[in-house]
Structure formats: structure tokens, C-alpha cells
Amino acid sequence: MTTTTKNAGLTPRDLNNVAILKHHGLSLVEVKISQVSFAKGMLLNNVPLPESTRVVCVIRAGRPIVELDAVFLEERDLVYLITDNERLVRTAFTVL
């Protein structure tokens, strides 16, 4: 049986995975595409992300998209990325 961290919905394994990323100078970042987001309507591959950043998945209408080659970003999409530069990632998706 797996216990869950109160209010976060994270298991101890989830927390360990985040700790491993942090140990290596990485962060798991969530970006929500807003109505005025620079990246809205863009092909995900055309978003100017730092070299050391990888998109893990996009969640659209509650469903994960993991085949990312031809994804055009839509309002309310959640983009999950792993990066060593959260500030530059957030800048790439910034409101105009």
C-alpha cells in the first residue's frame, strides 16, 4: 500500500523522484497556456526553449499527449518540462 502526502497527492516515490531531479540541478516545471500566452497556437517544437530542457508531456482536456512532434499548443494546455533553467522556460511561454 502506498501512502500519499497530505494535500499534494504525491507518493513518497514521487517526492524521491523530485529530490533526484533537484540533486542534479533540474526542476519539473508546469506551464499553463493562457489566452494571451506567447506560445498559444505555436507548434511545440517551435517554442524557443533552453537547450537543456525537455518536454515530458502536454495535458489537454485531462488527457496526456506524449507524441509531441506535431502538437500545436492550445489555451488551457498544461506543458510539463524538465529543465535546469526554470526562469528561461517560463520566459519562453510568457504572456505577451
Protein backbone atom coordinates (compact mmCIF):
# COMPACT_ATOMS: atom_id res chain seq x y z
CA MET A 1 0.00 0.00 0.00
CA THR A 2 1.29 3.43 -0.93
CA THR A 3 0.71 6.36 1.35
CA THR A 4 0.06 9.79 -0.07
CA THR A 5 1.47 13.10 1.09
CA LYS A 6 -1.39 15.11 2.58
CA ASN A 7 -2.96 17.69 0.21
CA ALA A 8 -0.40 17.21 -2.55
CA GLY A 9 -1.41 13.83 -3.94
CA LEU A 10 2.26 12.83 -4.07
CA THR A 11 3.54 9.44 -3.06
CA PRO A 12 6.91 9.01 -1.32
CA ARG A 13 8.25 7.73 -4.66
CA ASP A 14 7.09 10.95 -6.37
CA LEU A 15 8.89 13.00 -3.76
CA ASN A 16 12.02 10.90 -4.19
CA ASN A 17 11.94 11.46 -7.96
CA VAL A 18 11.67 15.23 -7.45
CA ALA A 19 14.56 15.07 -4.97
CA ILE A 20 16.69 13.21 -7.53
CA LEU A 21 15.98 15.88 -10.14
CA LYS A 22 16.85 18.65 -7.67
CA HIS A 23 20.07 16.82 -6.69
CA HIS A 24 21.12 17.05 -10.35
CA GLY A 25 20.14 20.72 -10.65
CA LEU A 26 16.91 20.02 -12.52
CA SER A 27 13.30 21.02 -11.96
CA LEU A 28 9.99 19.63 -13.14
CA VAL A 29 8.07 22.65 -14.42
CA GLU A 30 4.38 23.00 -15.25
CA VAL A 31 3.31 25.78 -17.62
CA LYS A 32 -0.33 26.54 -18.37
CA ILE A 33 -1.02 28.04 -21.79
CA SER A 34 -3.20 31.09 -21.28
CA GLN A 35 -5.36 33.08 -23.66
CA VAL A 36 -2.54 35.61 -24.11
CA SER A 37 0.42 33.24 -23.92
CA PHE A 38 3.19 33.83 -26.46
CA ALA A 39 3.15 30.09 -27.27
CA LYS A 40 -0.62 29.74 -27.85
CA GLY A 41 -1.14 28.41 -31.38
CA MET A 42 2.55 27.61 -31.83
CA LEU A 43 3.94 24.25 -32.81
CA LEU A 44 5.50 22.98 -29.58
CA ASN A 45 8.80 22.28 -31.36
CA ASN A 46 8.99 25.99 -32.31
CA VAL A 47 8.81 27.31 -28.75
CA PRO A 48 12.29 28.73 -28.02
CA LEU A 49 13.31 26.56 -25.07
CA PRO A 50 16.75 26.37 -23.46
CA GLU A 51 18.98 23.62 -24.89
CA SER A 52 18.94 21.68 -21.62
CA THR A 53 15.13 21.47 -21.49
CA ARG A 54 12.94 18.53 -22.46
CA VAL A 55 9.16 18.47 -22.72
CA VAL A 56 7.77 15.44 -20.90
CA CYS A 57 4.14 15.72 -21.97
CA VAL A 58 1.23 18.03 -22.65
CA ILE A 59 -2.07 17.57 -20.85
CA ARG A 60 -5.06 18.66 -22.94
CA ALA A 61 -8.61 18.36 -21.60
CA GLY A 62 -7.35 15.99 -18.91
CA ARG A 63 -5.60 13.64 -21.34
CA PRO A 64 -1.84 13.27 -21.76
CA ILE A 65 -0.22 13.81 -25.13
CA VAL A 66 3.19 12.15 -25.29
CA GLU A 67 3.69 12.12 -29.07
CA LEU A 68 4.86 15.71 -29.23
CA ASP A 69 6.15 16.10 -32.79
CA ALA A 70 3.04 17.79 -34.22
CA VAL A 71 1.41 19.42 -31.19
CA PHE A 72 0.09 22.94 -31.63
CA LEU A 73 -0.41 24.50 -28.19
CA GLU A 74 -3.93 25.46 -27.21
CA GLU A 75 -5.32 27.61 -24.43
CA ARG A 76 -5.55 25.65 -21.15
CA ASP A 77 -2.92 23.09 -22.21
CA LEU A 78 -0.58 22.12 -19.40
CA VAL A 79 3.01 21.61 -20.54
CA TYR A 80 5.36 19.59 -18.31
CA LEU A 81 9.09 20.06 -18.78
CA ILE A 82 12.35 19.09 -17.12
CA THR A 83 14.98 21.82 -17.13
CA ASP A 84 17.95 23.32 -15.37
CA ASN A 85 16.69 26.85 -16.05
CA GLU A 86 13.10 27.35 -14.93
CA ARG A 87 13.27 31.11 -15.44
CA LEU A 88 14.13 30.81 -19.15
CA VAL A 89 11.45 28.13 -19.64
CA ARG A 90 8.79 30.36 -18.12
CA THR A 91 10.03 33.28 -20.24
CA ALA A 92 9.54 31.19 -23.40
CA PHE A 93 5.83 30.84 -22.58
CA THR A 94 5.32 34.32 -21.13
CA VAL A 95 2.26 36.44 -21.64
CA LEU A 96 2.76 38.92 -24.47
